[in-house]
Amino acid sequence: MAERTKYILDEADLPTQWYNVVSDLPEPPPPPLHPGTREPVGPEDLAPLFPQALIAQEVSTERYVDIPEEVREVYRLWRPSPLYRARRLEKALGTPARIYYKYEGVSPVGSHKPNTAVPQAFYNAAEGVTRLTTETGAGQWGSALAFACAQYGLECEVWQVRASYDQKPYRKLMMETFGATVHPSPSALTESGRKILADDPDSPGSLGIAISEAVEQAAADPNARYALGSVLNHVLMHQTVIGEEALKQFELAGDTPDLLVGCTGGGSNFGGLAFPFLREKLAGRMNPVIRAVEPAACPTLTRGTYAYDFGDTAGLTPLLKMHTLGHGFIPDPIHAGGLRYHGMSPLISHIYELGLIEALAVGQQECFAAGVRFARAEGIIPAPEPTHALAACIQEALRCKETGEEKVILTALCGHAHLDLPAYGAYLSGEMVDNELSDDVLAASLAELP
């Protein structure tokens, strides 16, 4: 235990550019389509929702995009984030594997989400926008955008999925502390919400429904724009500061990962860690297996269909070519609220179709068992979302124990669970159940694809 287990970069090592993986892929991803014409969308189609700078990043094929110094100034509040060698977990498992985790829970809101919230707020403010609307599941993205809006003097209005709104009241309080207005979704404030409530007054909500409400509000206000916390190309690109830092930290550690594991809902945490390493893999400088881990109750990559679908429930967004469970799919109210999205990032879906990554689905009881095991060894209680990646890490580490293989495993611990402890309470009390997605429910949802 004498060796250094924490790898910290200097402030001078804070990345100056985001990495755009599109530039290095063997085939470009399919474009978003206009829902009416079925033609590729142009900048004018996206202008009611996003500022021009973000639209340009969304369609960019440049390998690198400079990070504005005004954004880096805010990043310096918590970046570069630490990389840890999980020696105590290795010892507890009795594995010869070396396990590393990039810890994003040091951010002001306790997750990786400010990595994109800050630039999104900056670019909107720079173009004269005064109000941002968004959706949130577990509340981590809503908290991040509320924090970011406070940095640039923007109003922030958040629609939080009803199941998480009820499960996680302290997330709402965090958002309000940063100055946001928070509504449970579905709400009676929008046409989209009223339609859902008319059909199901007790709807637990979904990210797709909350997106519809936030998009509807933004499109109706010329001073407002919409901000998305995952899924889109520019969002994943902003998150690559995670992987760029991790590459430098592995140089400090004198190690190279054999397996990279990340939890996936919309894809931002996974892409942020994986894409810089995928660049190195495509260039032949390393060869890690890259594994996406998703909830068994919302298995977009492992059981979804690769097809064009709406990004929201009401059909207000462009059509995205992605792995989807159907835009009308409402996942069971599992505790990993940030992973309850019906579709996977089009970019990650495309990369999965190219065979460059693999995917695994895990039930929430196994995930929380892994979270407890990690907390008791490493002293950090992981958010429900990264417990999926930790479960897969532990599976691999135990295989190494059986085979004697000294595999190097890297994961992104994308946040802590200080505001998610009721989820651990449900697990520890034995009240938690695994929600299996039935073939009939999935088939009915996929039948509604446009």
Protein backbone atom coordinates (compact mmCIF):
# COMPACT_ATOMS: atom_id res chain seq x y z
CA MET A 1 0.00 0.00 0.00
CA ALA A 2 3.07 2.31 -0.03
CA GLU A 3 2.70 3.29 -3.67
CA ARG A 4 0.79 6.42 -4.60
CA THR A 5 -2.88 5.63 -5.23
CA LYS A 6 -4.11 9.11 -6.23
CA TYR A 7 -2.97 10.72 -9.47
CA ILE A 8 -3.50 14.49 -9.54
CA LEU A 9 -2.73 16.80 -12.43
CA ASP A 10 -1.65 20.41 -12.08
CA GLU A 11 -3.98 23.20 -13.10
CA ALA A 12 -1.68 23.71 -16.09
CA ASP A 13 -2.76 20.25 -17.31
CA LEU A 14 -6.41 21.30 -17.64
CA PRO A 15 -7.35 20.48 -21.26
CA THR A 16 -7.43 23.39 -23.68
CA GLN A 17 -9.47 21.54 -26.32
CA TRP A 18 -12.41 19.16 -26.51
CA TYR A 19 -11.99 16.07 -28.70
CA ASN A 20 -14.47 15.31 -31.50
CA VAL A 21 -14.42 11.55 -32.15
CA VAL A 22 -16.41 11.96 -35.39
CA SER A 23 -13.21 13.03 -37.14
CA ASP A 24 -11.56 9.64 -36.55
CA LEU A 25 -14.42 7.22 -37.23
CA PRO A 26 -14.21 4.96 -40.31
CA GLU A 27 -17.76 6.03 -41.29
CA PRO A 28 -19.65 9.24 -40.41
CA PRO A 29 -22.76 8.85 -38.24
CA PRO A 30 -26.18 9.16 -39.92
CA PRO A 31 -27.55 12.74 -39.78
CA PRO A 32 -30.62 13.84 -37.78
CA LEU A 33 -33.73 14.12 -39.97
CA HIS A 34 -36.51 16.67 -40.03
CA PRO A 35 -39.67 14.85 -38.80
CA GLY A 36 -41.80 16.40 -41.56
CA THR A 37 -39.58 16.20 -44.63
CA ARG A 38 -37.33 13.30 -43.56
CA GLU A 39 -34.43 15.35 -44.92
CA PRO A 40 -31.27 16.08 -42.89
CA VAL A 41 -31.85 19.00 -40.55
CA GLY A 42 -30.01 22.25 -41.17
CA PRO A 43 -28.83 24.95 -38.76
CA GLU A 44 -32.07 26.89 -39.27
CA ASP A 45 -34.05 23.90 -37.97
CA LEU A 46 -32.06 23.85 -34.73
CA ALA A 47 -31.86 27.64 -34.20
CA PRO A 48 -35.05 27.85 -32.07
CA LEU A 49 -33.47 25.43 -29.56
CA PHE A 50 -29.70 26.01 -29.54
CA PRO A 51 -27.25 28.90 -29.99
CA GLN A 52 -25.25 28.98 -33.23
CA ALA A 53 -21.97 28.06 -31.52
CA LEU A 54 -23.43 24.78 -30.23
CA ILE A 55 -25.11 24.02 -33.57
CA ALA A 56 -21.70 24.41 -35.22
CA GLN A 57 -20.17 22.00 -32.69
CA GLU A 58 -23.00 19.52 -33.19
CA VAL A 59 -22.24 19.13 -36.91
CA SER A 60 -18.47 19.68 -36.71
CA THR A 61 -16.00 17.21 -38.19
CA GLU A 62 -12.95 19.02 -36.79
CA ARG A 63 -10.83 16.80 -34.54
CA TYR A 64 -10.45 19.39 -31.78
CA VAL A 65 -12.47 22.40 -30.62
CA ASP A 66 -10.86 25.07 -28.44
CA ILE A 67 -12.31 25.48 -24.94
CA PRO A 68 -13.04 29.18 -24.28
CA GLU A 69 -10.95 30.62 -21.46
CA GLU A 70 -14.15 31.81 -19.74
CA VAL A 71 -15.22 28.15 -19.55
CA ARG A 72 -11.81 26.97 -18.34
CA GLU A 73 -11.99 29.58 -15.54
CA VAL A 74 -15.12 27.88 -14.19
CA TYR A 75 -13.69 24.40 -14.82
CA ARG A 76 -10.81 25.32 -12.50
CA LEU A 77 -13.22 25.21 -9.54
CA TRP A 78 -12.84 21.41 -9.64
CA ARG A 79 -10.76 20.33 -12.64
CA PRO A 80 -8.54 18.46 -13.24
CA SER A 81 -10.36 15.74 -11.31
CA PRO A 82 -8.41 12.92 -9.60
CA LEU A 83 -7.70 9.41 -10.84
CA TYR A 84 -7.56 6.77 -8.11
CA ARG A 85 -6.09 3.28 -8.02
CA ALA A 86 -8.68 1.25 -6.08
CA ARG A 87 -6.17 -0.76 -4.07
CA ARG A 88 -8.53 -1.41 -1.16
CA LEU A 89 -11.20 -2.73 -3.48
CA GLU A 90 -8.61 -4.91 -5.22
CA LYS A 91 -7.59 -6.30 -1.82
CA ALA A 92 -11.21 -6.89 -0.76
CA LEU A 93 -11.86 -8.81 -3.99
CA GLY A 94 -8.59 -10.73 -3.79
CA THR A 95 -7.96 -9.97 -7.45
CA PRO A 96 -4.69 -9.52 -9.32
CA ALA A 97 -6.47 -6.96 -11.53
CA ARG A 98 -5.51 -3.30 -11.18
CA ILE A 99 -8.63 -1.13 -10.92
CA TYR A 100 -8.61 2.63 -11.54
CA TYR A 101 -11.47 5.12 -11.36
CA LYS A 102 -11.69 8.68 -12.63
CA TYR A 103 -13.68 10.51 -9.96
CA GLU A 104 -16.06 13.25 -11.13
CA GLY A 105 -17.83 13.61 -7.78
CA VAL A 106 -15.50 16.50 -6.88
CA SER A 107 -17.51 18.95 -9.02
CA PRO A 108 -19.74 21.60 -7.35
CA VAL A 109 -22.82 19.43 -7.86
CA GLY A 110 -21.14 16.07 -7.28
CA SER A 111 -21.21 14.68 -10.82
CA HIS A 112 -19.69 14.98 -14.31
CA LYS A 113 -22.58 17.05 -15.67
CA PRO A 114 -21.05 20.55 -15.23
CA ASN A 115 -18.44 19.63 -17.85
CA THR A 116 -21.11 20.39 -20.49
CA ALA A 117 -23.49 22.58 -18.49
CA VAL A 118 -20.87 25.31 -18.13
CA PRO A 119 -20.04 25.66 -21.85
CA GLN A 120 -23.71 25.41 -22.80
CA ALA A 121 -24.60 28.26 -20.44
CA PHE A 122 -21.59 30.26 -21.64
CA TYR A 123 -22.44 30.00 -25.35
CA ASN A 124 -26.10 30.85 -24.72
CA ALA A 125 -25.23 33.88 -22.63
CA ALA A 126 -22.74 35.04 -25.27
CA GLU A 127 -25.53 35.09 -27.86
CA GLY A 128 -27.93 37.08 -25.66
CA VAL A 129 -30.15 34.26 -24.41
CA THR A 130 -31.62 35.01 -20.98
CA ARG A 131 -33.38 31.74 -20.06
CA LEU A 132 -32.58 28.05 -20.42
CA THR A 133 -35.06 25.21 -20.09
CA THR A 134 -34.15 21.57 -19.59
CA GLU A 135 -35.22 18.20 -18.28
CA THR A 136 -33.56 16.10 -15.60
CA GLY A 137 -33.92 12.57 -14.29
CA ALA A 138 -32.13 12.02 -11.00
CA GLY A 139 -31.49 15.77 -10.81
CA GLN A 140 -27.76 15.76 -11.45
CA TRP A 141 -28.09 17.43 -14.86
CA GLY A 142 -30.65 19.91 -13.57
CA SER A 143 -28.35 20.79 -10.67
CA ALA A 144 -25.41 21.22 -13.06
CA LEU A 145 -27.33 23.52 -15.40
CA ALA A 146 -28.68 25.53 -12.47
CA PHE A 147 -25.10 26.00 -11.21
CA ALA A 148 -23.87 26.93 -14.70
CA CYS A 149 -26.69 29.43 -15.28
CA ALA A 150 -25.77 31.09 -11.98
CA GLN A 151 -22.25 31.64 -13.31
CA TYR A 152 -23.52 33.59 -16.34
CA GLY A 153 -26.68 35.26 -14.99
CA LEU A 154 -29.23 33.11 -16.83
CA GLU A 155 -32.66 31.99 -15.65
CA CYS A 156 -33.01 28.21 -15.44
CA GLU A 157 -36.25 26.23 -15.60
CA VAL A 158 -36.16 22.47 -15.05
CA TRP A 159 -38.70 19.70 -15.62
CA GLN A 160 -37.74 16.78 -13.38
CA VAL A 161 -39.09 13.28 -14.03
CA ARG A 162 -41.85 12.74 -11.47
CA ALA A 163 -40.44 9.44 -10.13
CA SER A 164 -37.12 11.13 -9.33
CA TYR A 165 -38.80 14.35 -8.17
CA ASP A 166 -40.52 12.27 -5.47
CA GLN A 167 -37.54 10.00 -4.71
CA LYS A 168 -34.89 12.73 -4.51
CA PRO A 169 -36.25 15.92 -2.85
CA TYR A 170 -32.78 17.22 -2.03
CA ARG A 171 -31.90 17.45 -5.72
CA LYS A 172 -34.80 19.86 -6.11
CA LEU A 173 -33.47 21.90 -3.19
CA MET A 174 -29.99 21.99 -4.73
CA MET A 175 -31.40 23.27 -8.02
CA GLU A 176 -33.43 25.92 -6.22
CA THR A 177 -30.41 26.97 -4.15
CA PHE A 178 -28.55 27.67 -7.40
CA GLY A 179 -31.56 29.72 -8.56
CA ALA A 180 -33.55 27.33 -10.77
CA THR A 181 -37.31 26.83 -10.95
CA VAL A 182 -38.21 23.12 -10.80
CA HIS A 183 -41.40 21.37 -11.96
CA PRO A 184 -42.35 17.69 -11.68
CA SER A 185 -42.88 16.11 -15.10
CA PRO A 186 -45.42 15.47 -16.52
CA SER A 187 -46.83 18.86 -15.50
CA ALA A 188 -49.97 20.83 -16.28
CA LEU A 189 -47.82 23.72 -17.54
CA THR A 190 -47.35 22.37 -21.07
CA GLU A 191 -49.52 20.81 -23.74
CA SER A 192 -47.23 17.77 -23.75
CA GLY A 193 -47.59 17.31 -20.00
CA ARG A 194 -51.35 17.82 -19.96
CA LYS A 195 -51.81 15.17 -22.64
CA ILE A 196 -49.83 12.60 -20.64
CA LEU A 197 -51.69 13.43 -17.41
CA ALA A 198 -55.05 13.11 -19.17
CA ASP A 199 -54.14 9.55 -20.16
CA ASP A 200 -52.39 8.65 -16.88
CA PRO A 201 -52.79 11.04 -13.92
CA ASP A 202 -50.30 8.94 -11.90
CA SER A 203 -47.63 8.77 -14.60
CA PRO A 204 -44.11 8.34 -13.11
CA GLY A 205 -42.81 10.38 -16.04
CA SER A 206 -39.80 9.75 -18.23
CA LEU A 207 -36.90 11.72 -19.63
CA GLY A 208 -38.65 11.69 -23.00
CA ILE A 209 -41.73 13.38 -21.51
CA ALA A 210 -39.63 15.92 -19.60
CA ILE A 211 -37.70 16.75 -22.80
CA SER A 212 -40.99 17.41 -24.60
CA GLU A 213 -42.04 19.87 -21.90
CA ALA A 214 -38.72 21.71 -21.83
CA VAL A 215 -38.50 21.89 -25.65
CA GLU A 216 -42.08 23.15 -25.91
CA GLN A 217 -41.36 25.96 -23.46
CA ALA A 218 -38.08 26.99 -25.11
CA ALA A 219 -39.55 27.04 -28.62
CA ALA A 220 -42.32 29.40 -27.50
CA ASP A 221 -39.98 32.03 -25.99
CA PRO A 222 -37.61 33.98 -28.30
CA ASN A 223 -35.36 34.79 -25.32
CA ALA A 224 -35.08 31.13 -24.27
CA ARG A 225 -33.17 28.14 -25.54
CA TYR A 226 -33.11 24.48 -24.59
CA ALA A 227 -30.13 22.69 -23.01
CA LEU A 228 -29.63 18.91 -23.14
CA GLY A 229 -27.46 17.04 -20.66
CA SER A 230 -26.61 14.00 -22.78
CA VAL A 231 -27.24 12.24 -26.13
CA LEU A 232 -26.13 14.94 -28.63
CA ASN A 233 -22.66 15.15 -30.19
CA HIS A 234 -21.66 18.50 -28.68
CA VAL A 235 -22.62 17.30 -25.20
CA LEU A 236 -20.42 14.20 -25.45
CA MET A 237 -17.60 16.28 -26.90
CA HIS A 238 -17.61 18.62 -23.88
CA GLN A 239 -17.29 15.60 -21.60
CA THR A 240 -14.04 14.44 -23.24
CA VAL A 241 -12.11 16.50 -20.70
CA ILE A 242 -12.59 13.38 -18.53
CA GLY A 243 -10.78 11.02 -20.89
CA GLU A 244 -8.11 13.55 -21.90
CA GLU A 245 -7.14 14.04 -18.24
CA ALA A 246 -7.27 10.28 -17.60
CA LEU A 247 -4.79 9.66 -20.42
CA LYS A 248 -2.28 12.02 -18.77
CA GLN A 249 -2.90 10.42 -15.38
CA PHE A 250 -2.22 6.95 -16.77
CA GLU A 251 1.13 8.29 -17.94
CA LEU A 252 1.80 9.30 -14.32
CA ALA A 253 0.74 5.84 -13.17
CA GLY A 254 2.93 4.14 -15.78
CA ASP A 255 0.00 1.92 -16.77
CA THR A 256 -2.33 1.29 -19.73
CA PRO A 257 -5.95 0.09 -19.45
CA ASP A 258 -6.93 -3.29 -20.89
CA LEU A 259 -10.63 -2.70 -20.19
CA LEU A 260 -12.55 0.57 -19.99
CA VAL A 261 -16.04 0.43 -18.42
CA GLY A 262 -18.67 3.16 -18.21
CA CYS A 263 -22.35 3.39 -17.32
CA THR A 264 -24.62 4.50 -20.14
CA GLY A 265 -28.00 6.20 -20.14
CA GLY A 266 -27.84 8.87 -22.81
CA GLY A 267 -24.08 8.36 -23.18
CA SER A 268 -22.32 11.52 -21.96
CA ASN A 269 -20.35 10.01 -19.06
CA PHE A 270 -19.39 6.96 -21.11
CA GLY A 271 -18.41 8.97 -24.18
CA GLY A 272 -16.50 11.51 -22.11
CA LEU A 273 -14.21 8.82 -20.71
CA ALA A 274 -14.12 6.48 -23.70
CA PHE A 275 -13.70 8.70 -26.75
CA PRO A 276 -10.10 9.87 -26.12
CA PHE A 277 -9.11 6.25 -25.43
CA LEU A 278 -10.95 5.15 -28.58
CA ARG A 279 -8.85 7.69 -30.51
CA GLU A 280 -5.70 6.06 -29.14
CA LYS A 281 -7.07 2.62 -29.99
CA LEU A 282 -7.93 3.59 -33.56
CA ALA A 283 -4.42 5.02 -33.95
CA GLY A 284 -2.87 1.74 -32.75
CA ARG A 285 -1.30 3.23 -29.62
CA MET A 286 -3.29 1.02 -27.20
CA ASN A 287 -5.96 -1.65 -27.48
CA PRO A 288 -8.46 -1.57 -24.60
CA VAL A 289 -11.80 -3.34 -24.70
CA ILE A 290 -14.45 -0.61 -24.24
CA ARG A 291 -17.64 -1.75 -22.50
CA ALA A 292 -20.88 0.19 -21.99
CA VAL A 293 -23.07 -0.91 -19.07
CA GLU A 294 -26.77 -0.08 -18.90
CA PRO A 295 -29.73 -0.96 -16.63
CA ALA A 296 -31.62 -4.15 -17.39
CA ALA A 297 -34.84 -2.15 -16.98
CA CYS A 298 -33.86 0.28 -19.76
CA PRO A 299 -31.54 -1.70 -22.09
CA THR A 300 -31.24 0.47 -25.19
CA LEU A 301 -28.01 -0.98 -26.61
CA THR A 302 -28.57 -4.61 -25.69
CA ARG A 303 -32.29 -4.89 -26.55
CA GLY A 304 -33.23 -1.73 -28.41
CA THR A 305 -33.64 -1.34 -32.17
CA TYR A 306 -31.22 0.75 -34.24
CA ALA A 307 -33.62 3.07 -36.04
CA TYR A 308 -34.67 6.68 -36.50
CA ASP A 309 -36.79 7.82 -33.57
CA PHE A 310 -37.80 10.98 -31.77
CA GLY A 311 -35.62 12.12 -28.90
CA ASP A 312 -38.72 13.02 -26.90
CA THR A 313 -42.13 11.50 -26.21
CA ALA A 314 -44.30 14.12 -27.92
CA GLY A 315 -42.34 14.05 -31.19
CA LEU A 316 -41.11 17.64 -31.07
CA THR A 317 -37.44 16.90 -31.75
CA PRO A 318 -35.64 15.85 -34.95
CA LEU A 319 -35.46 12.16 -35.74
CA LEU A 320 -32.23 10.61 -34.46
CA LYS A 321 -30.68 7.35 -35.71
CA MET A 322 -30.04 5.56 -32.44
CA HIS A 323 -30.61 2.45 -30.41
CA THR A 324 -34.09 3.03 -29.03
CA LEU A 325 -36.79 1.34 -27.01
CA GLY A 326 -39.39 3.61 -28.63
CA HIS A 327 -40.05 7.26 -27.82
CA GLY A 328 -43.23 6.31 -25.94
CA PHE A 329 -41.36 3.88 -23.66
CA ILE A 330 -41.67 4.72 -19.97
CA PRO A 331 -39.08 2.79 -17.92
CA ASP A 332 -39.84 1.40 -14.51
CA PRO A 333 -38.90 3.89 -11.76
CA ILE A 334 -35.50 2.38 -10.98
CA HIS A 335 -33.22 4.35 -8.66
CA ALA A 336 -30.67 5.17 -11.38
CA GLY A 337 -32.86 8.00 -12.63
CA GLY A 338 -30.14 9.33 -14.92
CA LEU A 339 -30.20 6.11 -16.97
CA ARG A 340 -33.97 6.05 -17.62
CA TYR A 341 -33.87 7.29 -21.21
CA HIS A 342 -35.52 5.49 -24.12
CA GLY A 343 -32.66 6.11 -26.57
CA MET A 344 -28.88 5.96 -26.67
CA SER A 345 -26.66 8.72 -28.02
CA PRO A 346 -26.67 8.48 -31.85
CA LEU A 347 -22.88 8.74 -31.81
CA ILE A 348 -22.45 5.88 -29.33
CA SER A 349 -25.11 3.86 -31.17
CA HIS A 350 -23.15 4.34 -34.40
CA ILE A 351 -19.87 3.37 -32.75
CA TYR A 352 -21.56 0.28 -31.30
CA GLU A 353 -22.85 -0.66 -34.77
CA LEU A 354 -19.28 -0.33 -36.08
CA GLY A 355 -18.19 -2.94 -33.52
CA LEU A 356 -15.82 -0.58 -31.71
CA ILE A 357 -17.47 -1.03 -28.29
CA GLU A 358 -19.48 -3.72 -26.53
CA ALA A 359 -22.49 -3.51 -24.20
CA LEU A 360 -23.83 -5.24 -21.09
CA ALA A 361 -27.08 -4.84 -19.09
CA VAL A 362 -27.16 -5.32 -15.30
CA GLY A 363 -30.03 -5.45 -12.77
CA GLN A 364 -30.17 -2.82 -10.05
CA GLN A 365 -29.74 -5.22 -7.11
CA GLU A 366 -26.37 -6.36 -8.44
CA CYS A 367 -25.46 -2.72 -9.06
CA PHE A 368 -26.23 -1.60 -5.52
CA ALA A 369 -24.41 -4.61 -4.12
CA ALA A 370 -21.38 -3.40 -6.07
CA GLY A 371 -21.93 0.16 -4.80
CA VAL A 372 -21.96 -1.01 -1.18
CA ARG A 373 -18.88 -3.15 -1.73
CA PHE A 374 -17.06 -0.21 -3.31
CA ALA A 375 -18.11 2.22 -0.56
CA ARG A 376 -16.92 -0.06 2.23
CA ALA A 377 -13.55 -0.51 0.53
CA GLU A 378 -12.86 2.91 -1.01
CA GLY A 379 -14.85 5.26 1.24
CA ILE A 380 -16.93 6.86 -1.52
CA ILE A 381 -20.64 6.07 -1.86
CA PRO A 382 -21.19 5.99 -5.64
CA ALA A 383 -24.28 7.46 -7.29
CA PRO A 384 -26.76 4.82 -8.54
CA GLU A 385 -25.71 5.38 -12.16
CA PRO A 386 -21.99 4.44 -11.87
CA THR A 387 -22.82 1.40 -9.75
CA HIS A 388 -23.64 -0.21 -13.12
CA ALA A 389 -20.06 0.26 -14.26
CA LEU A 390 -18.75 -0.86 -10.87
CA ALA A 391 -20.80 -4.06 -11.09
CA ALA A 392 -19.15 -4.83 -14.44
CA CYS A 393 -15.71 -3.95 -13.03
CA ILE A 394 -16.21 -6.34 -10.13
CA GLN A 395 -17.41 -9.08 -12.50
CA GLU A 396 -14.19 -8.69 -14.51
CA ALA A 397 -11.96 -8.45 -11.42
CA LEU A 398 -13.40 -11.71 -10.08
CA ARG A 399 -12.78 -13.39 -13.44
CA CYS A 400 -9.17 -12.24 -13.14
CA LYS A 401 -9.08 -13.81 -9.68
CA GLU A 402 -10.07 -17.13 -11.23
CA THR A 403 -7.62 -16.93 -14.14
CA GLY A 404 -4.75 -15.08 -12.45
CA GLU A 405 -4.78 -12.44 -15.20
CA GLU A 406 -3.36 -9.05 -14.16
CA LYS A 407 -5.79 -7.01 -16.20
CA VAL A 408 -5.90 -3.19 -15.90
CA ILE A 409 -9.46 -1.89 -15.54
CA LEU A 410 -10.55 1.76 -15.79
CA THR A 411 -13.98 3.20 -15.01
CA ALA A 412 -15.55 6.61 -14.59
CA LEU A 413 -17.06 7.15 -11.15
CA CYS A 414 -19.28 9.93 -12.47
CA GLY A 415 -20.70 11.07 -9.13
CA HIS A 416 -21.35 10.45 -5.46
CA ALA A 417 -24.65 9.44 -3.82
CA HIS A 418 -24.86 11.92 -0.94
CA LEU A 419 -28.31 12.95 -2.21
CA ASP A 420 -29.27 9.43 -3.31
CA LEU A 421 -29.08 7.64 0.02
CA PRO A 422 -32.79 6.62 0.05
CA ALA A 423 -31.91 4.36 -2.90
CA TYR A 424 -29.28 2.65 -0.75
CA GLY A 425 -31.86 2.47 2.03
CA ALA A 426 -34.18 0.54 -0.28
CA TYR A 427 -31.37 -1.88 -1.12
CA LEU A 428 -30.12 -2.35 2.45
CA SER A 429 -33.66 -2.94 3.77
CA GLY A 430 -34.35 -5.59 1.14
CA GLU A 431 -37.12 -3.57 -0.49
CA MET A 432 -35.35 -3.15 -3.83
CA VAL A 433 -36.46 -5.36 -6.70
CA ASP A 434 -35.11 -5.92 -10.20
CA ASN A 435 -37.38 -4.62 -12.91
CA GLU A 436 -37.21 -6.87 -15.95
CA LEU A 437 -38.40 -5.45 -19.25
CA SER A 438 -40.85 -7.90 -20.81
CA ASP A 439 -40.75 -8.75 -24.51
CA ASP A 440 -44.42 -7.74 -24.86
CA VAL A 441 -43.88 -4.25 -23.42
CA LEU A 442 -40.83 -3.74 -25.60
CA ALA A 443 -42.60 -4.94 -28.74
CA ALA A 444 -45.56 -2.61 -28.10
CA SER A 445 -43.25 0.35 -27.65
CA LEU A 446 -41.17 -0.38 -30.74
CA ALA A 447 -44.33 -0.72 -32.80
CA GLU A 448 -44.77 3.06 -32.44
CA LEU A 449 -41.50 3.96 -34.16
CA PRO A 450 -42.06 6.71 -36.75
